[in-house]
Amino acid sequence: MPTQPRLVEVKTTLVPGTFFLGPDFILFENKQGPWAVSRKCTHLGCKINYREKEGFLECPCHQSRFTPEGAVIQGPAQKSLPRFKVEKLDNARGYIVTI
């Protein structure tokens, strides 16, 4: 049976170039708008971290690396990270991420 999407409210506003680290996703914002990627590595499911100074996402288990957009830079992961739909709320109230 398919699972229902879960809506997660992020009650902060990001400026371009910043991010929010949630338990299940990382939310980014740039001039084009917000996006979110899964924190679950596509190799074996370990939790991804954002290496802000280096500008990439990294899995602590086997060092797979991903761009902030979720594309694989370095394996062993072969698949990109899933992206989640992000809705920016009016009046700088935050975001709704659908996971």
PDB file of N, CA and C in Angstrom:
ATOM      1  N   MET A   1       0.838  -1.169   0.000  1.00  0.00           N
ATOM      2  CA  MET A   1       0.000   0.000   0.000  1.00  0.00           C
ATOM      3  C   MET A   1       0.894   1.246   0.000  1.00  0.00           C
ATOM      4  N   PRO A   2       0.662   2.184  -0.927  1.00  0.00           N
ATOM      5  CA  PRO A   2       1.505   3.382  -0.987  1.00  0.00           C
ATOM      6  C   PRO A   2       1.320   4.236   0.271  1.00  0.00           C
ATOM      7  N   THR A   3       2.416   4.867   0.700  1.00  0.00           N
ATOM      8  CA  THR A   3       2.332   5.738   1.864  1.00  0.00           C
ATOM      9  C   THR A   3       1.849   7.119   1.444  1.00  0.00           C
ATOM     10  N   GLN A   4       1.182   7.769   2.367  1.00  0.00           N
ATOM     11  CA  GLN A   4       0.711   9.126   2.122  1.00  0.00           C
ATOM     12  C   GLN A   4       1.892  10.091   2.251  1.00  0.00           C
ATOM     13  N   PRO A   5       1.942  11.119   1.430  1.00  0.00           N
ATOM     14  CA  PRO A   5       3.003  12.122   1.589  1.00  0.00           C
ATOM     15  C   PRO A   5       2.883  12.788   2.960  1.00  0.00           C
ATOM     16  N   ARG A   6       4.016  13.148   3.504  1.00  0.00           N
ATOM     17  CA  ARG A   6       4.044  13.832   4.796  1.00  0.00           C
ATOM     18  C   ARG A   6       4.435  15.281   4.549  1.00  0.00           C
ATOM     19  N   LEU A   7       3.695  16.209   5.138  1.00  0.00           N
ATOM     20  CA  LEU A   7       3.986  17.633   5.010  1.00  0.00           C
ATOM     21  C   LEU A   7       4.739  18.088   6.247  1.00  0.00           C
ATOM     22  N   VAL A   8       5.903  18.690   6.031  1.00  0.00           N
ATOM     23  CA  VAL A   8       6.735  19.162   7.131  1.00  0.00           C
ATOM     24  C   VAL A   8       6.844  20.673   7.017  1.00  0.00           C
ATOM     25  N   GLU A   9       6.453  21.376   8.075  1.00  0.00           N
ATOM     26  CA  GLU A   9       6.562  22.832   8.083  1.00  0.00           C
ATOM     27  C   GLU A   9       7.905  23.244   8.663  1.00  0.00           C
ATOM     28  N   VAL A  10       8.603  24.099   7.944  1.00  0.00           N
ATOM     29  CA  VAL A  10       9.870  24.667   8.402  1.00  0.00           C
ATOM     30  C   VAL A  10       9.585  26.118   8.740  1.00  0.00           C
ATOM     31  N   LYS A  11       9.656  26.443  10.000  1.00  0.00           N
ATOM     32  CA  LYS A  11       9.269  27.784  10.453  1.00  0.00           C
ATOM     33  C   LYS A  11      10.469  28.715  10.539  1.00  0.00           C
ATOM     34  N   THR A  12      11.175  28.800   9.456  1.00  0.00           N
ATOM     35  CA  THR A  12      12.289  29.734   9.341  1.00  0.00           C
ATOM     36  C   THR A  12      12.357  30.191   7.897  1.00  0.00           C
ATOM     37  N   THR A  13      12.936  31.330   7.673  1.00  0.00           N
ATOM     38  CA  THR A  13      13.108  31.836   6.322  1.00  0.00           C
ATOM     39  C   THR A  13      14.591  31.836   5.997  1.00  0.00           C
ATOM     40  N   LEU A  14      14.921  31.289   4.850  1.00  0.00           N
ATOM     41  CA  LEU A  14      16.309  31.243   4.409  1.00  0.00           C
ATOM     42  C   LEU A  14      16.583  32.366   3.417  1.00  0.00           C
ATOM     43  N   VAL A  15      17.787  32.885   3.459  1.00  0.00           N
ATOM     44  CA  VAL A  15      18.227  33.828   2.432  1.00  0.00           C
ATOM     45  C   VAL A  15      19.034  33.033   1.422  1.00  0.00           C
ATOM     46  N   PRO A  16      19.125  33.499   0.183  1.00  0.00           N
ATOM     47  CA  PRO A  16      19.897  32.755  -0.817  1.00  0.00           C
ATOM     48  C   PRO A  16      21.306  32.428  -0.315  1.00  0.00           C
ATOM     49  N   GLY A  17      21.692  31.161  -0.539  1.00  0.00           N
ATOM     50  CA  GLY A  17      22.997  30.701  -0.111  1.00  0.00           C
ATOM     51  C   GLY A  17      23.005  30.020   1.254  1.00  0.00           C
ATOM     52  N   THR A  18      21.837  29.920   1.902  1.00  0.00           N
ATOM     53  CA  THR A  18      21.772  29.279   3.207  1.00  0.00           C
ATOM     54  C   THR A  18      20.986  27.977   3.126  1.00  0.00           C
ATOM     55  N   PHE A  19      20.948  27.234   4.232  1.00  0.00           N
ATOM     56  CA  PHE A  19      20.282  25.939   4.251  1.00  0.00           C
ATOM     57  C   PHE A  19      19.680  25.662   5.620  1.00  0.00           C
ATOM     58  N   PHE A  20      18.790  24.689   5.668  1.00  0.00           N
ATOM     59  CA  PHE A  20      18.184  24.202   6.906  1.00  0.00           C
ATOM     60  C   PHE A  20      18.370  22.694   6.929  1.00  0.00           C
ATOM     61  N   LEU A  21      18.912  22.177   8.018  1.00  0.00           N
ATOM     62  CA  LEU A  21      19.160  20.750   8.166  1.00  0.00           C
ATOM     63  C   LEU A  21      18.047  20.137   9.013  1.00  0.00           C
ATOM     64  N   GLY A  22      17.164  19.382   8.355  1.00  0.00           N
ATOM     65  CA  GLY A  22      16.095  18.692   9.064  1.00  0.00           C
ATOM     66  C   GLY A  22      16.466  17.237   9.282  1.00  0.00           C
ATOM     67  N   PRO A  23      15.668  16.486  10.029  1.00  0.00           N
ATOM     68  CA  PRO A  23      15.994  15.076  10.266  1.00  0.00           C
ATOM     69  C   PRO A  23      15.910  14.212   9.005  1.00  0.00           C
ATOM     70  N   ASP A  24      15.024  14.563   8.060  1.00  0.00           N
ATOM     71  CA  ASP A  24      14.810  13.741   6.867  1.00  0.00           C
ATOM     72  C   ASP A  24      15.259  14.402   5.568  1.00  0.00           C
ATOM     73  N   PHE A  25      15.563  15.677   5.596  1.00  0.00           N
ATOM     74  CA  PHE A  25      15.899  16.413   4.375  1.00  0.00           C
ATOM     75  C   PHE A  25      16.805  17.585   4.704  1.00  0.00           C
ATOM     76  N   ILE A  26      17.438  18.115   3.649  1.00  0.00           N
ATOM     77  CA  ILE A  26      18.186  19.367   3.748  1.00  0.00           C
ATOM     78  C   ILE A  26      17.518  20.337   2.779  1.00  0.00           C
ATOM     79  N   LEU A  27      17.129  21.483   3.293  1.00  0.00           N
ATOM     80  CA  LEU A  27      16.443  22.518   2.523  1.00  0.00           C
ATOM     81  C   LEU A  27      17.446  23.607   2.178  1.00  0.00           C
ATOM     82  N   PHE A  28      17.522  23.937   0.891  1.00  0.00           N
ATOM     83  CA  PHE A  28      18.423  24.974   0.408  1.00  0.00           C
ATOM     84  C   PHE A  28      17.599  26.094  -0.218  1.00  0.00           C
ATOM     85  N   GLU A  29      18.216  27.267  -0.298  1.00  0.00           N
ATOM     86  CA  GLU A  29      17.587  28.404  -0.982  1.00  0.00           C
ATOM     87  C   GLU A  29      18.672  29.100  -1.796  1.00  0.00           C
ATOM     88  N   ASN A  30      18.335  29.435  -3.051  1.00  0.00           N
ATOM     89  CA  ASN A  30      19.209  30.290  -3.855  1.00  0.00           C
ATOM     90  C   ASN A  30      18.337  31.295  -4.592  1.00  0.00           C
ATOM     91  N   LYS A  31      18.910  32.043  -5.527  1.00  0.00           N
ATOM     92  CA  LYS A  31      18.141  33.078  -6.235  1.00  0.00           C
ATOM     93  C   LYS A  31      16.966  32.501  -7.016  1.00  0.00           C
ATOM     94  N   GLN A  32      17.076  31.251  -7.456  1.00  0.00           N
ATOM     95  CA  GLN A  32      15.997  30.615  -8.212  1.00  0.00           C
ATOM     96  C   GLN A  32      14.885  30.094  -7.310  1.00  0.00           C
ATOM     97  N   GLY A  33      15.137  29.995  -6.018  1.00  0.00           N
ATOM     98  CA  GLY A  33      14.113  29.524  -5.093  1.00  0.00           C
ATOM     99  C   GLY A  33      14.602  28.380  -4.219  1.00  0.00           C
ATOM    100  N   PRO A  34      13.688  27.795  -3.420  1.00  0.00           N
ATOM    101  CA  PRO A  34      14.068  26.722  -2.502  1.00  0.00           C
ATOM    102  C   PRO A  34      13.965  25.339  -3.134  1.00  0.00           C
ATOM    103  N   TRP A  35      14.733  24.381  -2.593  1.00  0.00           N
ATOM    104  CA  TRP A  35      14.614  22.967  -2.944  1.00  0.00           C
ATOM    105  C   TRP A  35      15.075  22.148  -1.745  1.00  0.00           C
ATOM    106  N   ALA A  36      14.660  20.902  -1.711  1.00  0.00           N
ATOM    107  CA  ALA A  36      15.048  20.013  -0.617  1.00  0.00           C
ATOM    108  C   ALA A  36      15.457  18.658  -1.186  1.00  0.00           C
ATOM    109  N   VAL A  37      16.477  18.065  -0.567  1.00  0.00           N
ATOM    110  CA  VAL A  37      16.919  16.720  -0.935  1.00  0.00           C
ATOM    111  C   VAL A  37      16.881  15.829   0.298  1.00  0.00           C
ATOM    112  N   SER A  38      16.717  14.557   0.053  1.00  0.00           N
ATOM    113  CA  SER A  38      16.676  13.566   1.122  1.00  0.00           C
ATOM    114  C   SER A  38      18.022  13.475   1.826  1.00  0.00           C
ATOM    115  N   ARG A  39      17.980  13.152   3.118  1.00  0.00           N
ATOM    116  CA  ARG A  39      19.214  12.890   3.866  1.00  0.00           C
ATOM    117  C   ARG A  39      19.552  11.405   3.887  1.00  0.00           C
ATOM    118  N   LYS A  40      18.777  10.578   3.191  1.00  0.00           N
ATOM    119  CA  LYS A  40      19.017   9.136   3.171  1.00  0.00           C
ATOM    120  C   LYS A  40      19.865   8.780   1.960  1.00  0.00           C
ATOM    121  N   CYS A  41      21.075   8.281   2.217  1.00  0.00           N
ATOM    122  CA  CYS A  41      21.993   7.931   1.136  1.00  0.00           C
ATOM    123  C   CYS A  41      21.388   6.824   0.268  1.00  0.00           C
ATOM    124  N   THR A  42      21.556   6.954  -1.036  1.00  0.00           N
ATOM    125  CA  THR A  42      21.007   5.971  -1.971  1.00  0.00           C
ATOM    126  C   THR A  42      21.869   4.714  -2.054  1.00  0.00           C
ATOM    127  N   HIS A  43      22.986   4.673  -1.353  1.00  0.00           N
ATOM    128  CA  HIS A  43      23.837   3.476  -1.331  1.00  0.00           C
ATOM    129  C   HIS A  43      23.280   2.476  -0.320  1.00  0.00           C
ATOM    130  N   LEU A  44      23.358   2.796   0.973  1.00  0.00           N
ATOM    131  CA  LEU A  44      22.877   1.873   2.007  1.00  0.00           C
ATOM    132  C   LEU A  44      21.954   2.527   3.025  1.00  0.00           C
ATOM    133  N   GLY A  45      21.567   3.761   2.784  1.00  0.00           N
ATOM    134  CA  GLY A  45      20.563   4.395   3.637  1.00  0.00           C
ATOM    135  C   GLY A  45      21.080   5.152   4.842  1.00  0.00           C
ATOM    136  N   CYS A  46      22.368   5.391   4.928  1.00  0.00           N
ATOM    137  CA  CYS A  46      22.908   6.169   6.050  1.00  0.00           C
ATOM    138  C   CYS A  46      22.474   7.634   5.913  1.00  0.00           C
ATOM    139  N   LYS A  47      22.557   8.390   7.000  1.00  0.00           N
ATOM    140  CA  LYS A  47      22.108   9.781   7.011  1.00  0.00           C
ATOM    141  C   LYS A  47      23.198  10.710   6.491  1.00  0.00           C
ATOM    142  N   ILE A  48      22.862  11.447   5.437  1.00  0.00           N
ATOM    143  CA  ILE A  48      23.765  12.387   4.759  1.00  0.00           C
ATOM    144  C   ILE A  48      23.978  13.641   5.612  1.00  0.00           C
ATOM    145  N   ASN A  49      25.177  14.196   5.543  1.00  0.00           N
ATOM    146  CA  ASN A  49      25.494  15.474   6.177  1.00  0.00           C
ATOM    147  C   ASN A  49      25.919  16.472   5.113  1.00  0.00           C
ATOM    148  N   TYR A  50      25.749  17.759   5.417  1.00  0.00           N
ATOM    149  CA  TYR A  50      26.162  18.805   4.490  1.00  0.00           C
ATOM    150  C   TYR A  50      27.508  19.352   4.932  1.00  0.00           C
ATOM    151  N   ARG A  51      28.493  19.273   4.074  1.00  0.00           N
ATOM    152  CA  ARG A  51      29.822  19.827   4.331  1.00  0.00           C
ATOM    153  C   ARG A  51      29.820  21.230   3.747  1.00  0.00           C
ATOM    154  N   GLU A  52      29.355  22.169   4.542  1.00  0.00           N
ATOM    155  CA  GLU A  52      29.109  23.524   4.069  1.00  0.00           C
ATOM    156  C   GLU A  52      30.360  24.191   3.495  1.00  0.00           C
ATOM    157  N   LYS A  53      31.484  24.102   4.170  1.00  0.00           N
ATOM    158  CA  LYS A  53      32.718  24.747   3.685  1.00  0.00           C
ATOM    159  C   LYS A  53      33.152  24.191   2.335  1.00  0.00           C
ATOM    160  N   GLU A  54      32.963  22.877   2.133  1.00  0.00           N
ATOM    161  CA  GLU A  54      33.353  22.241   0.877  1.00  0.00           C
ATOM    162  C   GLU A  54      32.261  22.335  -0.181  1.00  0.00           C
ATOM    163  N   GLY A  55      31.015  22.565   0.248  1.00  0.00           N
ATOM    164  CA  GLY A  55      29.912  22.739  -0.693  1.00  0.00           C
ATOM    165  C   GLY A  55      29.323  21.452  -1.236  1.00  0.00           C
ATOM    166  N   PHE A  56      29.435  20.334  -0.496  1.00  0.00           N
ATOM    167  CA  PHE A  56      28.823  19.085  -0.952  1.00  0.00           C
ATOM    168  C   PHE A  56      28.192  18.331   0.218  1.00  0.00           C
ATOM    169  N   LEU A  57      27.358  17.366  -0.127  1.00  0.00           N
ATOM    170  CA  LEU A  57      26.733  16.474   0.840  1.00  0.00           C
ATOM    171  C   LEU A  57      27.567  15.207   0.892  1.00  0.00           C
ATOM    172  N   GLU A  58      27.727  14.644   2.097  1.00  0.00           N
ATOM    173  CA  GLU A  58      28.563  13.454   2.220  1.00  0.00           C
ATOM    174  C   GLU A  58      27.928  12.438   3.158  1.00  0.00           C
ATOM    175  N   CYS A  59      28.028  11.176   2.770  1.00  0.00           N
ATOM    176  CA  CYS A  59      27.565  10.077   3.601  1.00  0.00           C
ATOM    177  C   CYS A  59      28.708   9.663   4.525  1.00  0.00           C
ATOM    178  N   PRO A  60      28.472   9.610   5.837  1.00  0.00           N
ATOM    179  CA  PRO A  60      29.543   9.247   6.756  1.00  0.00           C
ATOM    180  C   PRO A  60      29.910   7.757   6.721  1.00  0.00           C
ATOM    181  N   CYS A  61      29.058   6.918   6.147  1.00  0.00           N
ATOM    182  CA  CYS A  61      29.317   5.471   6.158  1.00  0.00           C
ATOM    183  C   CYS A  61      30.368   5.049   5.134  1.00  0.00           C
ATOM    184  N   HIS A  62      30.207   5.490   3.881  1.00  0.00           N
ATOM    185  CA  HIS A  62      31.132   5.066   2.824  1.00  0.00           C
ATOM    186  C   HIS A  62      31.605   6.230   1.956  1.00  0.00           C
ATOM    187  N   GLN A  63      31.394   7.443   2.421  1.00  0.00           N
ATOM    188  CA  GLN A  63      31.870   8.684   1.794  1.00  0.00           C
ATOM    189  C   GLN A  63      31.334   8.951   0.392  1.00  0.00           C
ATOM    190  N   SER A  64      30.131   8.481   0.092  1.00  0.00           N
ATOM    191  CA  SER A  64      29.498   8.937  -1.151  1.00  0.00           C
ATOM    192  C   SER A  64      29.313  10.442  -1.035  1.00  0.00           C
ATOM    193  N   ARG A  65      29.471  11.138  -2.139  1.00  0.00           N
ATOM    194  CA  ARG A  65      29.314  12.596  -2.140  1.00  0.00           C
ATOM    195  C   ARG A  65      28.297  13.000  -3.202  1.00  0.00           C
ATOM    196  N   PHE A  66      27.564  14.072  -2.879  1.00  0.00           N
ATOM    197  CA  PHE A  66      26.492  14.569  -3.730  1.00  0.00           C
ATOM    198  C   PHE A  66      26.563  16.086  -3.798  1.00  0.00           C
ATOM    199  N   THR A  67      26.086  16.648  -4.908  1.00  0.00           N
ATOM    200  CA  THR A  67      25.941  18.098  -4.995  1.00  0.00           C
ATOM    201  C   THR A  67      24.781  18.521  -4.094  1.00  0.00           C
ATOM    202  N   PRO A  68      24.666  19.800  -3.765  1.00  0.00           N
ATOM    203  CA  PRO A  68      23.503  20.246  -2.999  1.00  0.00           C
ATOM    204  C   PRO A  68      22.171  19.966  -3.719  1.00  0.00           C
ATOM    205  N   GLU A  69      22.215  19.784  -5.046  1.00  0.00           N
ATOM    206  CA  GLU A  69      21.008  19.446  -5.804  1.00  0.00           C
ATOM    207  C   GLU A  69      20.716  17.944  -5.760  1.00  0.00           C
ATOM    208  N   GLY A  70      21.653  17.151  -5.185  1.00  0.00           N
ATOM    209  CA  GLY A  70      21.433  15.720  -5.020  1.00  0.00           C
ATOM    210  C   GLY A  70      22.126  14.816  -6.020  1.00  0.00           C
ATOM    211  N   ALA A  71      22.851  15.354  -6.997  1.00  0.00           N
ATOM    212  CA  ALA A  71      23.542  14.528  -7.996  1.00  0.00           C
ATOM    213  C   ALA A  71      24.783  13.871  -7.400  1.00  0.00           C
ATOM    214  N   VAL A  72      25.062  12.658  -7.820  1.00  0.00           N
ATOM    215  CA  VAL A  72      26.234  11.928  -7.329  1.00  0.00           C
ATOM    216  C   VAL A  72      27.512  12.567  -7.871  1.00  0.00           C
ATOM    217  N   ILE A  73      28.450  12.835  -6.966  1.00  0.00           N
ATOM    218  CA  ILE A  73      29.786  13.321  -7.341  1.00  0.00           C
ATOM    219  C   ILE A  73      30.772  12.164  -7.266  1.00  0.00           C
ATOM    220  N   GLN A  74      30.627  11.360  -6.209  1.00  0.00           N
ATOM    221  CA  GLN A  74      31.569  10.268  -5.936  1.00  0.00           C
ATOM    222  C   GLN A  74      30.806   9.123  -5.281  1.00  0.00           C
ATOM    223  N   GLY A  75      31.075   7.878  -5.726  1.00  0.00           N
ATOM    224  CA  GLY A  75      30.417   6.696  -5.191  1.00  0.00           C
ATOM    225  C   GLY A  75      31.013   6.238  -3.883  1.00  0.00           C
ATOM    226  N   PRO A  76      30.437   5.173  -3.364  1.00  0.00           N
ATOM    227  CA  PRO A  76      29.812   4.075  -4.083  1.00  0.00           C
ATOM    228  C   PRO A  76      28.346   4.280  -4.488  1.00  0.00           C
ATOM    229  N   ALA A  77      27.668   5.297  -4.007  1.00  0.00           N
ATOM    230  CA  ALA A  77      26.277   5.517  -4.431  1.00  0.00           C
ATOM    231  C   ALA A  77      26.224   5.699  -5.947  1.00  0.00           C
ATOM    232  N   GLN A  78      25.199   5.138  -6.576  1.00  0.00           N
ATOM    233  CA  GLN A  78      25.018   5.232  -8.028  1.00  0.00           C
ATOM    234  C   GLN A  78      23.858   6.148  -8.412  1.00  0.00           C
ATOM    235  N   LYS A  79      22.918   6.334  -7.493  1.00  0.00           N
ATOM    236  CA  LYS A  79      21.712   7.120  -7.782  1.00  0.00           C
ATOM    237  C   LYS A  79      21.754   8.459  -7.054  1.00  0.00           C
ATOM    238  N   SER A  80      21.157   9.460  -7.685  1.00  0.00           N
ATOM    239  CA  SER A  80      21.024  10.775  -7.061  1.00  0.00           C
ATOM    240  C   SER A  80      20.091  10.692  -5.855  1.00  0.00           C
ATOM    241  N   LEU A  81      20.212  11.681  -4.975  1.00  0.00           N
ATOM    242  CA  LEU A  81      19.311  11.761  -3.830  1.00  0.00           C
ATOM    243  C   LEU A  81      17.931  12.204  -4.299  1.00  0.00           C
ATOM    244  N   PRO A  82      16.868  11.654  -3.716  1.00  0.00           N
ATOM    245  CA  PRO A  82      15.525  12.131  -4.060  1.00  0.00           C
ATOM    246  C   PRO A  82      15.359  13.599  -3.681  1.00  0.00           C
ATOM    247  N   ARG A  83      14.624  14.304  -4.525  1.00  0.00           N
ATOM    248  CA  ARG A  83      14.272  15.706  -4.237  1.00  0.00           C
ATOM    249  C   ARG A  83      12.831  15.762  -3.788  1.00  0.00           C
ATOM    250  N   PHE A  84      12.554  16.683  -2.882  1.00  0.00           N
ATOM    251  CA  PHE A  84      11.208  16.849  -2.350  1.00  0.00           C
ATOM    252  C   PHE A  84      10.620  18.186  -2.786  1.00  0.00           C
ATOM    253  N   LYS A  85       9.315  18.193  -2.965  1.00  0.00           N
ATOM    254  CA  LYS A  85       8.599  19.414  -3.327  1.00  0.00           C
ATOM    255  C   LYS A  85       8.658  20.399  -2.154  1.00  0.00           C
ATOM    256  N   VAL A  86       8.935  21.669  -2.472  1.00  0.00           N
ATOM    257  CA  VAL A  86       9.003  22.717  -1.451  1.00  0.00           C
ATOM    258  C   VAL A  86       8.064  23.846  -1.850  1.00  0.00           C
ATOM    259  N   GLU A  87       7.237  24.251  -0.920  1.00  0.00           N
ATOM    260  CA  GLU A  87       6.357  25.411  -1.111  1.00  0.00           C
ATOM    261  C   GLU A  87       6.805  26.503  -0.158  1.00  0.00           C
ATOM    262  N   LYS A  88       7.092  27.676  -0.719  1.00  0.00           N
ATOM    263  CA  LYS A  88       7.487  28.825   0.099  1.00  0.00           C
ATOM    264  C   LYS A  88       6.217  29.521   0.571  1.00  0.00           C
ATOM    265  N   LEU A  89       6.081  29.695   1.875  1.00  0.00           N
ATOM    266  CA  LEU A  89       4.886  30.327   2.429  1.00  0.00           C
ATOM    267  C   LEU A  89       4.955  31.836   2.276  1.00  0.00           C
ATOM    268  N   ASP A  90       3.786  32.452   2.180  1.00  0.00           N
ATOM    269  CA  ASP A  90       3.698  33.906   2.038  1.00  0.00           C
ATOM    270  C   ASP A  90       4.176  34.617   3.304  1.00  0.00           C
ATOM    271  N   ASN A  91       4.545  35.858   3.153  1.00  0.00           N
ATOM    272  CA  ASN A  91       4.926  36.730   4.265  1.00  0.00           C
ATOM    273  C   ASN A  91       6.100  36.194   5.078  1.00  0.00           C
ATOM    274  N   ALA A  92       7.045  35.522   4.411  1.00  0.00           N
ATOM    275  CA  ALA A  92       8.266  35.029   5.060  1.00  0.00           C
ATOM    276  C   ALA A  92       7.978  34.164   6.277  1.00  0.00           C
ATOM    277  N   ARG A  93       6.941  33.330   6.168  1.00  0.00           N
ATOM    278  CA  ARG A  93       6.577  32.468   7.304  1.00  0.00           C
ATOM    279  C   ARG A  93       7.273  31.125   7.276  1.00  0.00           C
ATOM    280  N   GLY A  94       8.022  30.823   6.237  1.00  0.00           N
ATOM    281  CA  GLY A  94       8.727  29.557   6.174  1.00  0.00           C
ATOM    282  C   GLY A  94       8.390  28.758   4.929  1.00  0.00           C
ATOM    283  N   TYR A  95       8.394  27.418   5.075  1.00  0.00           N
ATOM    284  CA  TYR A  95       8.239  26.511   3.941  1.00  0.00           C
ATOM    285  C   TYR A  95       7.423  25.296   4.364  1.00  0.00           C
ATOM    286  N   ILE A  96       6.828  24.646   3.350  1.00  0.00           N
ATOM    287  CA  ILE A  96       6.214  23.333   3.529  1.00  0.00           C
ATOM    288  C   ILE A  96       6.984  22.387   2.594  1.00  0.00           C
ATOM    289  N   VAL A  97       7.563  21.335   3.176  1.00  0.00           N
ATOM    290  CA  VAL A  97       8.286  20.329   2.405  1.00  0.00           C
ATOM    291  C   VAL A  97       7.446  19.066   2.375  1.00  0.00           C
ATOM    292  N   THR A  98       7.172  18.549   1.188  1.00  0.00           N
ATOM    293  CA  THR A  98       6.386  17.316   1.020  1.00  0.00           C
ATOM    294  C   THR A  98       7.345  16.157   0.833  1.00  0.00           C
ATOM    295  N   ILE A  99       7.325  15.237   1.810  1.00  0.00           N
ATOM    296  CA  ILE A  99       8.223  14.071   1.716  1.00  0.00           C
ATOM    297  C   ILE A  99       7.410  12.792   1.721  1.00  0.00           C
TER     298      ILE A  99
END
